[in-house]
Amino acid sequence: MPWFIKQETFRRPYAELRPHLAAHRSWVEELRAQDVRISSGYLVDGDGKPGGGGLLVLEAADHASAEALILQDPVVASGLVDWNLCQWIGAVGDLGVG
């Protein structure tokens, strides 16, 4: 199955997003428990401080399926992030996702 990348940028300060980020983590954990191949994390600055946004990698049958799943993400549903979704096709290297 293809891999997809969701990149998001926070529209509000990090502190205001904390409750939604906790719900996001729970959502990802629930999907993983259902054997969905998904991983999520923060984008950080040069000092290692989060606050700019995040990146989520997931495996899905097609773009429409990936987008349907992403629309259920609590941080997306809250409207507190700008986001985009693209299919990723690995060309060189091996991250163990291909």
N, C-alpha and C. Protein backbone atom coordinates (compact mmCIF):
# COMPACT_ATOMS: atom_id res chain seq x y z
N MET A 1 0.84 -1.19 0.00
CA MET A 1 0.00 0.00 0.00
C MET A 1 0.88 1.24 0.00
N PRO A 2 0.37 2.31 -0.58
CA PRO A 2 1.14 3.56 -0.62
C PRO A 2 1.24 4.24 0.75
N TRP A 3 2.25 5.09 0.87
CA TRP A 3 2.47 5.90 2.06
C TRP A 3 2.08 7.33 1.78
N PHE A 4 1.60 8.00 2.81
CA PHE A 4 1.17 9.40 2.71
C PHE A 4 1.78 10.20 3.85
N ILE A 5 2.02 11.46 3.57
CA ILE A 5 2.59 12.38 4.56
C ILE A 5 1.61 13.54 4.75
N LYS A 6 1.24 13.78 6.02
CA LYS A 6 0.46 14.98 6.35
C LYS A 6 1.40 15.92 7.09
N GLN A 7 1.58 17.10 6.55
CA GLN A 7 2.36 18.13 7.23
C GLN A 7 1.39 19.19 7.71
N GLU A 8 1.60 19.64 8.95
CA GLU A 8 0.71 20.64 9.50
C GLU A 8 1.50 21.77 10.12
N THR A 9 0.89 22.93 10.12
CA THR A 9 1.45 24.11 10.76
C THR A 9 0.43 24.61 11.78
N PHE A 10 0.90 24.84 12.99
CA PHE A 10 0.00 25.31 14.04
C PHE A 10 -0.48 26.72 13.72
N ARG A 11 -1.78 26.95 13.91
CA ARG A 11 -2.37 28.27 13.69
C ARG A 11 -2.47 29.05 15.00
N ARG A 12 -2.26 28.37 16.12
CA ARG A 12 -2.35 28.97 17.44
C ARG A 12 -1.09 28.61 18.22
N PRO A 13 -0.80 29.30 19.31
CA PRO A 13 0.37 28.94 20.12
C PRO A 13 0.28 27.50 20.63
N TYR A 14 1.44 26.89 20.74
CA TYR A 14 1.55 25.49 21.16
C TYR A 14 0.74 25.20 22.43
N ALA A 15 0.82 26.09 23.41
CA ALA A 15 0.12 25.88 24.69
C ALA A 15 -1.39 25.75 24.49
N GLU A 16 -1.96 26.48 23.56
CA GLU A 16 -3.40 26.42 23.31
C GLU A 16 -3.81 25.12 22.63
N LEU A 17 -2.87 24.46 21.98
CA LEU A 17 -3.18 23.23 21.27
C LEU A 17 -3.03 21.99 22.13
N ARG A 18 -2.46 22.11 23.30
CA ARG A 18 -2.16 20.92 24.13
C ARG A 18 -3.33 19.95 24.28
N PRO A 19 -4.55 20.41 24.62
CA PRO A 19 -5.65 19.44 24.77
C PRO A 19 -5.94 18.69 23.46
N HIS A 20 -5.85 19.40 22.35
CA HIS A 20 -6.10 18.78 21.04
C HIS A 20 -4.97 17.83 20.67
N LEU A 21 -3.76 18.17 21.07
CA LEU A 21 -2.62 17.29 20.79
C LEU A 21 -2.72 16.00 21.60
N ALA A 22 -3.23 16.09 22.82
CA ALA A 22 -3.43 14.88 23.62
C ALA A 22 -4.47 13.99 22.95
N ALA A 23 -5.54 14.60 22.43
CA ALA A 23 -6.57 13.82 21.72
C ALA A 23 -5.98 13.22 20.45
N HIS A 24 -5.11 13.97 19.78
CA HIS A 24 -4.44 13.47 18.58
C HIS A 24 -3.61 12.23 18.91
N ARG A 25 -2.83 12.30 19.98
CA ARG A 25 -2.01 11.14 20.38
C ARG A 25 -2.88 9.92 20.65
N SER A 26 -3.99 10.12 21.35
CA SER A 26 -4.91 9.01 21.62
C SER A 26 -5.48 8.43 20.33
N TRP A 27 -5.82 9.31 19.40
CA TRP A 27 -6.35 8.89 18.10
C TRP A 27 -5.33 8.03 17.35
N VAL A 28 -4.07 8.48 17.33
CA VAL A 28 -3.02 7.71 16.66
C VAL A 28 -2.83 6.36 17.36
N GLU A 29 -2.82 6.35 18.68
CA GLU A 29 -2.65 5.09 19.42
C GLU A 29 -3.80 4.12 19.14
N GLU A 30 -5.02 4.63 19.04
CA GLU A 30 -6.17 3.78 18.71
C GLU A 30 -6.02 3.17 17.32
N LEU A 31 -5.58 3.98 16.36
CA LEU A 31 -5.37 3.47 15.00
C LEU A 31 -4.28 2.40 14.98
N ARG A 32 -3.21 2.64 15.71
CA ARG A 32 -2.13 1.65 15.78
C ARG A 32 -2.62 0.34 16.39
N ALA A 33 -3.50 0.43 17.36
CA ALA A 33 -4.06 -0.77 17.98
C ALA A 33 -4.93 -1.55 16.99
N GLN A 34 -5.41 -0.84 15.96
CA GLN A 34 -6.20 -1.47 14.90
C GLN A 34 -5.31 -1.90 13.72
N ASP A 35 -4.00 -1.90 13.95
CA ASP A 35 -3.00 -2.30 12.94
C ASP A 35 -2.87 -1.35 11.76
N VAL A 36 -3.29 -0.10 11.93
CA VAL A 36 -3.02 0.92 10.92
C VAL A 36 -1.56 1.33 11.08
N ARG A 37 -0.83 1.36 9.98
CA ARG A 37 0.57 1.77 10.03
C ARG A 37 0.60 3.29 9.95
N ILE A 38 0.88 3.92 11.09
CA ILE A 38 0.83 5.37 11.22
C ILE A 38 1.83 5.80 12.28
N SER A 39 2.44 6.95 12.05
CA SER A 39 3.37 7.52 13.03
C SER A 39 3.26 9.04 12.95
N SER A 40 3.36 9.68 14.10
CA SER A 40 3.18 11.12 14.18
C SER A 40 4.24 11.73 15.08
N GLY A 41 4.63 12.97 14.77
CA GLY A 41 5.61 13.65 15.61
C GLY A 41 5.63 15.14 15.36
N TYR A 42 6.38 15.84 16.22
CA TYR A 42 6.50 17.29 16.14
C TYR A 42 7.60 17.71 15.20
N LEU A 43 7.41 18.86 14.61
CA LEU A 43 8.51 19.56 13.95
C LEU A 43 9.08 20.49 15.01
N VAL A 44 10.40 20.51 15.13
CA VAL A 44 11.04 21.32 16.17
C VAL A 44 12.03 22.29 15.54
N ASP A 45 12.37 23.32 16.31
CA ASP A 45 13.33 24.31 15.82
C ASP A 45 14.76 23.84 16.08
N GLY A 46 15.72 24.68 15.79
CA GLY A 46 17.13 24.35 15.94
C GLY A 46 17.55 24.05 17.37
N ASP A 47 16.74 24.50 18.34
CA ASP A 47 17.01 24.21 19.74
C ASP A 47 16.24 22.99 20.24
N GLY A 48 15.52 22.33 19.33
CA GLY A 48 14.75 21.14 19.71
C GLY A 48 13.43 21.43 20.36
N LYS A 49 12.94 22.67 20.23
CA LYS A 49 11.67 23.05 20.85
C LYS A 49 10.53 22.90 19.85
N PRO A 50 9.46 22.17 20.25
CA PRO A 50 8.31 22.06 19.37
C PRO A 50 7.53 23.36 19.32
N GLY A 51 6.66 23.46 18.38
CA GLY A 51 5.80 24.64 18.33
C GLY A 51 5.41 25.04 16.92
N GLY A 52 6.11 24.55 15.92
CA GLY A 52 5.81 24.97 14.55
C GLY A 52 4.78 24.13 13.85
N GLY A 53 4.63 22.89 14.29
CA GLY A 53 3.69 22.01 13.60
C GLY A 53 4.08 20.56 13.78
N GLY A 54 3.63 19.74 12.85
CA GLY A 54 3.90 18.32 12.97
C GLY A 54 3.92 17.63 11.63
N LEU A 55 4.28 16.36 11.70
CA LEU A 55 4.35 15.51 10.52
C LEU A 55 3.75 14.16 10.89
N LEU A 56 2.91 13.64 10.02
CA LEU A 56 2.29 12.35 10.24
C LEU A 56 2.51 11.52 8.98
N VAL A 57 2.90 10.28 9.18
CA VAL A 57 3.14 9.35 8.08
C VAL A 57 2.15 8.20 8.25
N LEU A 58 1.44 7.84 7.19
CA LEU A 58 0.51 6.74 7.28
C LEU A 58 0.43 5.97 5.98
N GLU A 59 0.04 4.73 6.13
CA GLU A 59 -0.15 3.86 4.98
C GLU A 59 -1.66 3.78 4.73
N ALA A 60 -2.06 3.93 3.47
CA ALA A 60 -3.48 3.86 3.12
C ALA A 60 -3.62 3.34 1.70
N ALA A 61 -4.80 2.86 1.38
CA ALA A 61 -5.04 2.27 0.06
C ALA A 61 -4.89 3.29 -1.07
N ASP A 62 -5.30 4.54 -0.81
CA ASP A 62 -5.22 5.58 -1.84
C ASP A 62 -5.37 6.95 -1.17
N HIS A 63 -5.23 8.00 -1.97
CA HIS A 63 -5.28 9.36 -1.43
C HIS A 63 -6.62 9.64 -0.75
N ALA A 64 -7.71 9.21 -1.36
CA ALA A 64 -9.03 9.46 -0.77
C ALA A 64 -9.17 8.79 0.60
N SER A 65 -8.65 7.59 0.74
CA SER A 65 -8.71 6.88 2.03
C SER A 65 -7.84 7.59 3.06
N ALA A 66 -6.66 8.03 2.65
CA ALA A 66 -5.76 8.75 3.57
C ALA A 66 -6.41 10.05 4.01
N GLU A 67 -7.01 10.78 3.09
CA GLU A 67 -7.64 12.05 3.43
C GLU A 67 -8.84 11.83 4.36
N ALA A 68 -9.63 10.81 4.11
CA ALA A 68 -10.77 10.51 4.98
C ALA A 68 -10.31 10.26 6.41
N LEU A 69 -9.19 9.56 6.55
CA LEU A 69 -8.64 9.30 7.88
C LEU A 69 -8.13 10.59 8.52
N ILE A 70 -7.40 11.39 7.75
CA ILE A 70 -6.84 12.64 8.27
C ILE A 70 -7.94 13.58 8.75
N LEU A 71 -9.06 13.60 8.07
CA LEU A 71 -10.16 14.48 8.47
C LEU A 71 -10.73 14.10 9.84
N GLN A 72 -10.42 12.90 10.32
CA GLN A 72 -10.85 12.46 11.66
C GLN A 72 -9.85 12.86 12.74
N ASP A 73 -8.68 13.33 12.34
CA ASP A 73 -7.63 13.72 13.29
C ASP A 73 -8.14 14.89 14.13
N PRO A 74 -8.10 14.78 15.46
CA PRO A 74 -8.60 15.86 16.31
C PRO A 74 -7.96 17.23 16.05
N VAL A 75 -6.69 17.29 15.71
CA VAL A 75 -6.09 18.61 15.46
C VAL A 75 -6.58 19.19 14.13
N VAL A 76 -6.90 18.34 13.18
CA VAL A 76 -7.48 18.81 11.92
C VAL A 76 -8.93 19.23 12.14
N ALA A 77 -9.69 18.37 12.81
CA ALA A 77 -11.10 18.66 13.07
C ALA A 77 -11.29 19.94 13.89
N SER A 78 -10.31 20.26 14.74
CA SER A 78 -10.40 21.47 15.58
C SER A 78 -10.23 22.74 14.77
N GLY A 79 -9.64 22.63 13.55
CA GLY A 79 -9.38 23.82 12.75
C GLY A 79 -8.19 24.63 13.23
N LEU A 80 -7.40 24.07 14.14
CA LEU A 80 -6.28 24.82 14.72
C LEU A 80 -4.96 24.61 13.98
N VAL A 81 -5.00 23.88 12.86
CA VAL A 81 -3.80 23.68 12.06
C VAL A 81 -4.13 23.88 10.59
N ASP A 82 -3.15 24.36 9.84
CA ASP A 82 -3.19 24.31 8.39
C ASP A 82 -2.46 23.04 8.01
N TRP A 83 -2.93 22.31 7.02
CA TRP A 83 -2.31 21.03 6.71
C TRP A 83 -2.40 20.74 5.21
N ASN A 84 -1.51 19.85 4.79
CA ASN A 84 -1.58 19.33 3.44
C ASN A 84 -1.23 17.85 3.48
N LEU A 85 -1.67 17.13 2.49
CA LEU A 85 -1.48 15.69 2.41
C LEU A 85 -0.96 15.34 1.03
N CYS A 86 0.11 14.57 1.02
CA CYS A 86 0.70 14.12 -0.24
C CYS A 86 1.07 12.65 -0.13
N GLN A 87 0.97 11.95 -1.25
CA GLN A 87 1.52 10.60 -1.28
C GLN A 87 3.03 10.70 -1.34
N TRP A 88 3.70 9.78 -0.67
CA TRP A 88 5.17 9.74 -0.66
C TRP A 88 5.62 8.47 -1.33
N ILE A 89 6.52 8.62 -2.29
CA ILE A 89 7.10 7.47 -2.98
C ILE A 89 8.60 7.51 -2.71
N GLY A 90 9.08 6.58 -1.91
CA GLY A 90 10.50 6.52 -1.60
C GLY A 90 11.29 6.17 -2.87
N ALA A 91 12.42 6.83 -3.05
CA ALA A 91 13.23 6.60 -4.23
C ALA A 91 14.62 6.07 -3.89
N VAL A 92 15.19 6.55 -2.79
CA VAL A 92 16.54 6.15 -2.39
C VAL A 92 16.56 5.98 -0.89
N GLY A 93 17.19 4.94 -0.40
CA GLY A 93 17.30 4.73 1.04
C GLY A 93 16.26 3.75 1.53
N ASP A 94 16.29 3.48 2.82
CA ASP A 94 15.38 2.51 3.41
C ASP A 94 15.07 2.93 4.84
N LEU A 95 13.87 3.38 5.06
CA LEU A 95 13.41 3.72 6.41
C LEU A 95 12.57 2.61 7.00
N GLY A 96 12.47 1.50 6.31
CA GLY A 96 11.65 0.40 6.79
C GLY A 96 10.18 0.63 6.58
N VAL A 97 9.82 1.52 5.67
CA VAL A 97 8.41 1.80 5.41
C VAL A 97 7.99 1.38 4.01
N GLY A 98 8.91 0.92 3.22
CA GLY A 98 8.56 0.62 1.82
C GLY A 98 8.25 -0.81 1.55
